[in-house]
Amino acid sequence: VVTAMVKFGRHCAAFKEGHPFYVVDYASVRNTAIENVAVEDRNSPVVRERFVAEWRRCLGLAEAGFGEATVEFWRRVFAGIGEQDRKAGRVRGILPDAALRLFLEAAEEEAAGELLLLAKAISNAALTNSEALRKLAKKFDKQHGADLSGELLPEVYGASFTVGQATLQAGTSLIRASLGLAAEDQQQD
């Protein structure tokens, strides 16, 4: 179990380096709010409040980062929709999958490939943030004999970066199909 935690902490640190989107600083939160707490202070309400505040700060930053990233994704989609479709009014009130289809009809392969890379980067950051926040709550509960998971995990599972995964996955599937990438290629992406 310790090895998995160490590996996840390293994964987060490596992933965070050079990544354009917010990624929870798992090791820092773990070290300051969970592990570097004196044994006699582990049941302290102050320690609990400090952890919850830091955890929620990270949640808020992850939500904001995901929101900014997905807005950028959709701006690229709408910017790439052909002028004919715009003039014909096909963009007015358009649903996400239909907008993406119009983009893919007009886009060159390079632009579609770049959009796929952006979607994957957003998705990877969202998955890493979800897992980091889940693991931090679990670790706090275990180290401090607490039961914060029941309070905090619904916030992760209801967060935009968690529920937005379905829309991103649908989008990446459409882009992959447009680029002629087979299902087995998805694992290598």
C-alpha atoms as a PDB file:
ATOM      1  CA  VAL A   1       0.000   0.000   0.000  1.00  0.00           C
ATOM      2  CA  VAL A   2       2.823   2.408   0.820  1.00  0.00           C
ATOM      3  CA  THR A   3       4.407   1.674  -2.559  1.00  0.00           C
ATOM      4  CA  ALA A   4       1.171   2.553  -4.358  1.00  0.00           C
ATOM      5  CA  MET A   5       0.957   5.841  -2.463  1.00  0.00           C
ATOM      6  CA  VAL A   6       4.556   6.673  -3.254  1.00  0.00           C
ATOM      7  CA  LYS A   7       3.972   5.763  -6.885  1.00  0.00           C
ATOM      8  CA  PHE A   8       0.839   7.902  -7.073  1.00  0.00           C
ATOM      9  CA  GLY A   9       2.632  10.842  -5.489  1.00  0.00           C
ATOM     10  CA  ARG A  10       5.422  10.493  -8.039  1.00  0.00           C
ATOM     11  CA  HIS A  11       2.880  10.085 -10.820  1.00  0.00           C
ATOM     12  CA  CYS A  12       1.204  13.356  -9.817  1.00  0.00           C
ATOM     13  CA  ALA A  13       4.518  15.185  -9.579  1.00  0.00           C
ATOM     14  CA  ALA A  14       5.689  13.901 -12.978  1.00  0.00           C
ATOM     15  CA  PHE A  15       2.308  14.584 -14.563  1.00  0.00           C
ATOM     16  CA  LYS A  16       2.208  18.108 -13.143  1.00  0.00           C
ATOM     17  CA  GLU A  17       5.573  18.987 -14.704  1.00  0.00           C
ATOM     18  CA  GLY A  18       5.004  20.572 -18.050  1.00  0.00           C
ATOM     19  CA  HIS A  19       1.252  19.997 -17.945  1.00  0.00           C
ATOM     20  CA  PRO A  20      -0.740  23.081 -18.949  1.00  0.00           C
ATOM     21  CA  PHE A  21      -3.649  22.480 -16.555  1.00  0.00           C
ATOM     22  CA  TYR A  22      -4.007  22.546 -12.783  1.00  0.00           C
ATOM     23  CA  VAL A  23      -3.038  19.297 -11.073  1.00  0.00           C
ATOM     24  CA  VAL A  24      -3.511  18.750  -7.334  1.00  0.00           C
ATOM     25  CA  ASP A  25      -0.176  18.850  -5.517  1.00  0.00           C
ATOM     26  CA  TYR A  26      -0.874  15.495  -3.917  1.00  0.00           C
ATOM     27  CA  ALA A  27       2.486  15.093  -2.163  1.00  0.00           C
ATOM     28  CA  SER A  28       2.392  18.556  -0.629  1.00  0.00           C
ATOM     29  CA  VAL A  29      -1.147  18.175   0.730  1.00  0.00           C
ATOM     30  CA  ARG A  30      -0.391  14.661   1.934  1.00  0.00           C
ATOM     31  CA  ASN A  31       2.793  15.727   3.689  1.00  0.00           C
ATOM     32  CA  THR A  32       1.595  18.938   5.314  1.00  0.00           C
ATOM     33  CA  ALA A  33      -2.003  18.085   6.127  1.00  0.00           C
ATOM     34  CA  ILE A  34      -1.827  14.361   6.845  1.00  0.00           C
ATOM     35  CA  GLU A  35       1.564  12.857   7.531  1.00  0.00           C
ATOM     36  CA  ASN A  36       3.457  15.677   9.246  1.00  0.00           C
ATOM     37  CA  VAL A  37       0.901  15.981  12.035  1.00  0.00           C
ATOM     38  CA  ALA A  38       1.957  14.973  15.522  1.00  0.00           C
ATOM     39  CA  VAL A  39       0.240  11.813  16.727  1.00  0.00           C
ATOM     40  CA  GLU A  40      -1.327  13.646  19.668  1.00  0.00           C
ATOM     41  CA  ASP A  41      -2.873  16.217  17.274  1.00  0.00           C
ATOM     42  CA  ARG A  42      -4.421  13.717  14.859  1.00  0.00           C
ATOM     43  CA  ASN A  43      -7.915  13.948  16.373  1.00  0.00           C
ATOM     44  CA  SER A  44      -7.781  17.721  16.712  1.00  0.00           C
ATOM     45  CA  PRO A  45     -10.686  19.615  15.141  1.00  0.00           C
ATOM     46  CA  VAL A  46      -8.162  22.255  14.027  1.00  0.00           C
ATOM     47  CA  VAL A  47      -6.179  19.663  12.056  1.00  0.00           C
ATOM     48  CA  ARG A  48      -9.401  18.369  10.501  1.00  0.00           C
ATOM     49  CA  GLU A  49     -10.558  21.875   9.570  1.00  0.00           C
ATOM     50  CA  ARG A  50      -7.154  22.738   8.111  1.00  0.00           C
ATOM     51  CA  PHE A  51      -7.166  19.582   5.987  1.00  0.00           C
ATOM     52  CA  VAL A  52     -10.742  20.120   4.789  1.00  0.00           C
ATOM     53  CA  ALA A  53      -9.955  23.748   3.894  1.00  0.00           C
ATOM     54  CA  GLU A  54      -6.865  22.740   1.886  1.00  0.00           C
ATOM     55  CA  TRP A  55      -8.713  19.840   0.250  1.00  0.00           C
ATOM     56  CA  ARG A  56     -11.577  22.142  -0.791  1.00  0.00           C
ATOM     57  CA  ARG A  57      -9.099  24.739  -2.062  1.00  0.00           C
ATOM     58  CA  CYS A  58      -7.615  22.044  -4.315  1.00  0.00           C
ATOM     59  CA  LEU A  59     -11.101  20.969  -5.404  1.00  0.00           C
ATOM     60  CA  GLY A  60     -11.937  24.562  -6.344  1.00  0.00           C
ATOM     61  CA  LEU A  61      -8.718  24.977  -8.311  1.00  0.00           C
ATOM     62  CA  ALA A  62      -9.335  21.689 -10.123  1.00  0.00           C
ATOM     63  CA  GLU A  63     -12.888  22.808 -10.990  1.00  0.00           C
ATOM     64  CA  ALA A  64     -11.672  26.191 -12.240  1.00  0.00           C
ATOM     65  CA  GLY A  65      -8.875  24.609 -14.264  1.00  0.00           C
ATOM     66  CA  PHE A  66     -11.230  22.102 -15.842  1.00  0.00           C
ATOM     67  CA  GLY A  67     -13.719  24.842 -16.662  1.00  0.00           C
ATOM     68  CA  GLU A  68     -11.079  26.999 -18.341  1.00  0.00           C
ATOM     69  CA  ALA A  69      -9.678  24.034 -20.263  1.00  0.00           C
ATOM     70  CA  THR A  70     -13.035  22.817 -21.537  1.00  0.00           C
ATOM     71  CA  VAL A  71     -14.024  26.348 -22.576  1.00  0.00           C
ATOM     72  CA  GLU A  72     -10.775  26.484 -24.597  1.00  0.00           C
ATOM     73  CA  PHE A  73     -11.639  23.109 -26.149  1.00  0.00           C
ATOM     74  CA  TRP A  74     -15.083  24.340 -27.227  1.00  0.00           C
ATOM     75  CA  ARG A  75     -13.722  27.674 -28.457  1.00  0.00           C
ATOM     76  CA  ARG A  76     -11.421  25.753 -30.763  1.00  0.00           C
ATOM     77  CA  VAL A  77     -14.341  23.644 -31.957  1.00  0.00           C
ATOM     78  CA  PHE A  78     -16.517  26.659 -32.713  1.00  0.00           C
ATOM     79  CA  ALA A  79     -13.634  28.599 -34.288  1.00  0.00           C
ATOM     80  CA  GLY A  80     -13.043  25.667 -36.644  1.00  0.00           C
ATOM     81  CA  ILE A  81     -16.610  25.351 -37.872  1.00  0.00           C
ATOM     82  CA  GLY A  82     -16.850  26.305 -41.534  1.00  0.00           C
ATOM     83  CA  GLU A  83     -18.131  29.701 -42.637  1.00  0.00           C
ATOM     84  CA  GLN A  84     -20.872  28.090 -44.736  1.00  0.00           C
ATOM     85  CA  ASP A  85     -22.315  26.368 -41.679  1.00  0.00           C
ATOM     86  CA  ARG A  86     -22.184  29.663 -39.757  1.00  0.00           C
ATOM     87  CA  LYS A  87     -23.921  31.619 -42.519  1.00  0.00           C
ATOM     88  CA  ALA A  88     -26.568  28.916 -42.857  1.00  0.00           C
ATOM     89  CA  GLY A  89     -27.367  29.313 -39.149  1.00  0.00           C
ATOM     90  CA  ARG A  90     -26.363  25.753 -38.279  1.00  0.00           C
ATOM     91  CA  VAL A  91     -24.359  26.933 -35.268  1.00  0.00           C
ATOM     92  CA  ARG A  92     -27.253  28.709 -33.570  1.00  0.00           C
ATOM     93  CA  GLY A  93     -28.134  26.748 -30.394  1.00  0.00           C
ATOM     94  CA  ILE A  94     -26.164  23.730 -31.562  1.00  0.00           C
ATOM     95  CA  LEU A  95     -25.591  20.794 -29.210  1.00  0.00           C
ATOM     96  CA  PRO A  96     -22.008  19.753 -28.351  1.00  0.00           C
ATOM     97  CA  ASP A  97     -21.812  16.572 -30.436  1.00  0.00           C
ATOM     98  CA  ALA A  98     -23.313  18.318 -33.470  1.00  0.00           C
ATOM     99  CA  ALA A  99     -20.850  21.216 -33.096  1.00  0.00           C
ATOM    100  CA  LEU A 100     -17.972  18.785 -32.933  1.00  0.00           C
ATOM    101  CA  ARG A 101     -19.242  16.996 -36.041  1.00  0.00           C
ATOM    102  CA  LEU A 102     -19.369  20.300 -37.950  1.00  0.00           C
ATOM    103  CA  PHE A 103     -15.829  21.073 -36.779  1.00  0.00           C
ATOM    104  CA  LEU A 104     -14.611  17.667 -37.925  1.00  0.00           C
ATOM    105  CA  GLU A 105     -16.276  18.096 -41.341  1.00  0.00           C
ATOM    106  CA  ALA A 106     -14.390  21.382 -41.863  1.00  0.00           C
ATOM    107  CA  ALA A 107     -11.133  20.615 -40.038  1.00  0.00           C
ATOM    108  CA  GLU A 108      -7.925  19.387 -41.530  1.00  0.00           C
ATOM    109  CA  GLU A 109      -6.435  16.258 -40.011  1.00  0.00           C
ATOM    110  CA  GLU A 110      -3.790  18.268 -38.138  1.00  0.00           C
ATOM    111  CA  ALA A 111      -6.405  20.468 -36.416  1.00  0.00           C
ATOM    112  CA  ALA A 112      -8.462  17.409 -35.462  1.00  0.00           C
ATOM    113  CA  GLY A 113      -5.329  15.734 -34.095  1.00  0.00           C
ATOM    114  CA  GLU A 114      -4.479  18.813 -32.033  1.00  0.00           C
ATOM    115  CA  LEU A 115      -8.023  18.888 -30.648  1.00  0.00           C
ATOM    116  CA  LEU A 116      -7.705  15.211 -29.726  1.00  0.00           C
ATOM    117  CA  LEU A 117      -4.461  15.920 -27.855  1.00  0.00           C
ATOM    118  CA  LEU A 118      -6.135  18.785 -25.998  1.00  0.00           C
ATOM    119  CA  ALA A 119      -9.112  16.612 -25.035  1.00  0.00           C
ATOM    120  CA  LYS A 120      -6.792  13.869 -23.779  1.00  0.00           C
ATOM    121  CA  ALA A 121      -4.732  16.360 -21.751  1.00  0.00           C
ATOM    122  CA  ILE A 122      -7.888  17.765 -20.154  1.00  0.00           C
ATOM    123  CA  SER A 123      -9.175  14.270 -19.438  1.00  0.00           C
ATOM    124  CA  ASN A 124      -5.886  13.121 -17.928  1.00  0.00           C
ATOM    125  CA  ALA A 125      -5.728  16.165 -15.639  1.00  0.00           C
ATOM    126  CA  ALA A 126      -9.340  15.613 -14.561  1.00  0.00           C
ATOM    127  CA  LEU A 127      -8.765  11.938 -13.824  1.00  0.00           C
ATOM    128  CA  THR A 128      -5.577  12.680 -11.897  1.00  0.00           C
ATOM    129  CA  ASN A 129      -7.313  15.376  -9.848  1.00  0.00           C
ATOM    130  CA  SER A 130     -10.281  13.126  -9.065  1.00  0.00           C
ATOM    131  CA  GLU A 131      -7.997  10.340  -7.945  1.00  0.00           C
ATOM    132  CA  ALA A 132      -5.726  12.655  -5.931  1.00  0.00           C
ATOM    133  CA  LEU A 133      -8.654  14.142  -4.003  1.00  0.00           C
ATOM    134  CA  ARG A 134     -10.179  10.711  -3.414  1.00  0.00           C
ATOM    135  CA  LYS A 135      -6.880   9.298  -2.167  1.00  0.00           C
ATOM    136  CA  LEU A 136      -6.246  12.301   0.081  1.00  0.00           C
ATOM    137  CA  ALA A 137      -9.627  11.879   1.790  1.00  0.00           C
ATOM    138  CA  LYS A 138      -9.004   8.150   2.188  1.00  0.00           C
ATOM    139  CA  LYS A 139      -5.505   8.739   3.569  1.00  0.00           C
ATOM    140  CA  PHE A 140      -6.733  11.346   6.055  1.00  0.00           C
ATOM    141  CA  ASP A 141      -9.444   8.974   7.272  1.00  0.00           C
ATOM    142  CA  LYS A 142      -6.951   6.154   7.702  1.00  0.00           C
ATOM    143  CA  GLN A 143      -4.223   8.214   9.412  1.00  0.00           C
ATOM    144  CA  HIS A 144      -6.550  10.194  11.660  1.00  0.00           C
ATOM    145  CA  GLY A 145      -9.293   7.687  12.410  1.00  0.00           C
ATOM    146  CA  ALA A 146     -11.756  10.080  10.770  1.00  0.00           C
ATOM    147  CA  ASP A 147     -14.708   9.644   8.433  1.00  0.00           C
ATOM    148  CA  LEU A 148     -14.316  12.532   6.001  1.00  0.00           C
ATOM    149  CA  SER A 149     -14.823  10.395   2.899  1.00  0.00           C
ATOM    150  CA  GLY A 150     -18.596  10.458   3.363  1.00  0.00           C
ATOM    151  CA  GLU A 151     -18.486  14.259   3.480  1.00  0.00           C
ATOM    152  CA  LEU A 152     -15.842  14.994   0.838  1.00  0.00           C
ATOM    153  CA  LEU A 153     -16.179  12.317  -1.830  1.00  0.00           C
ATOM    154  CA  PRO A 154     -19.665  13.440  -2.944  1.00  0.00           C
ATOM    155  CA  GLU A 155     -18.043  16.792  -3.710  1.00  0.00           C
ATOM    156  CA  VAL A 156     -15.489  15.084  -5.972  1.00  0.00           C
ATOM    157  CA  TYR A 157     -18.079  12.875  -7.648  1.00  0.00           C
ATOM    158  CA  GLY A 158     -20.328  15.883  -8.281  1.00  0.00           C
ATOM    159  CA  ALA A 159     -17.504  18.124  -9.511  1.00  0.00           C
ATOM    160  CA  SER A 160     -17.463  19.299 -13.112  1.00  0.00           C
ATOM    161  CA  PHE A 161     -14.141  17.578 -13.762  1.00  0.00           C
ATOM    162  CA  THR A 162     -15.663  14.245 -12.758  1.00  0.00           C
ATOM    163  CA  VAL A 163     -19.084  14.465 -14.408  1.00  0.00           C
ATOM    164  CA  GLY A 164     -17.625  16.201 -17.466  1.00  0.00           C
ATOM    165  CA  GLN A 165     -15.617  13.093 -18.304  1.00  0.00           C
ATOM    166  CA  ALA A 166     -18.537  11.585 -20.235  1.00  0.00           C
ATOM    167  CA  THR A 167     -18.715  14.581 -22.577  1.00  0.00           C
ATOM    168  CA  LEU A 168     -14.952  14.509 -23.109  1.00  0.00           C
ATOM    169  CA  GLN A 169     -15.005  10.763 -23.791  1.00  0.00           C
ATOM    170  CA  ALA A 170     -17.807  11.160 -26.327  1.00  0.00           C
ATOM    171  CA  GLY A 171     -15.837  13.953 -27.983  1.00  0.00           C
ATOM    172  CA  THR A 172     -12.601  11.993 -28.129  1.00  0.00           C
ATOM    173  CA  SER A 173     -14.478   9.031 -29.614  1.00  0.00           C
ATOM    174  CA  LEU A 174     -15.893  11.239 -32.382  1.00  0.00           C
ATOM    175  CA  ILE A 175     -12.482  12.736 -33.106  1.00  0.00           C
ATOM    176  CA  ARG A 176     -10.810   9.328 -33.151  1.00  0.00           C
ATOM    177  CA  ALA A 177     -13.434   7.968 -35.526  1.00  0.00           C
ATOM    178  CA  SER A 178     -12.971  10.993 -37.763  1.00  0.00           C
ATOM    179  CA  LEU A 179      -9.204  10.411 -37.810  1.00  0.00           C
ATOM    180  CA  GLY A 180      -9.727   6.709 -38.521  1.00  0.00           C
ATOM    181  CA  LEU A 181      -8.149   5.587 -35.268  1.00  0.00           C
ATOM    182  CA  ALA A 182      -9.215   2.073 -34.295  1.00  0.00           C
ATOM    183  CA  ALA A 183     -10.229   1.087 -30.767  1.00  0.00           C
ATOM    184  CA  GLU A 184      -6.857  -0.528 -30.133  1.00  0.00           C
ATOM    185  CA  ASP A 185      -5.169   2.797 -30.985  1.00  0.00           C
ATOM    186  CA  GLN A 186      -7.119   4.425 -28.140  1.00  0.00           C
ATOM    187  CA  GLN A 187      -5.088   2.501 -25.577  1.00  0.00           C
ATOM    188  CA  GLN A 188      -1.848   3.875 -27.018  1.00  0.00           C
ATOM    189  CA  ASP A 189      -3.011   7.532 -27.097  1.00  0.00           C
END
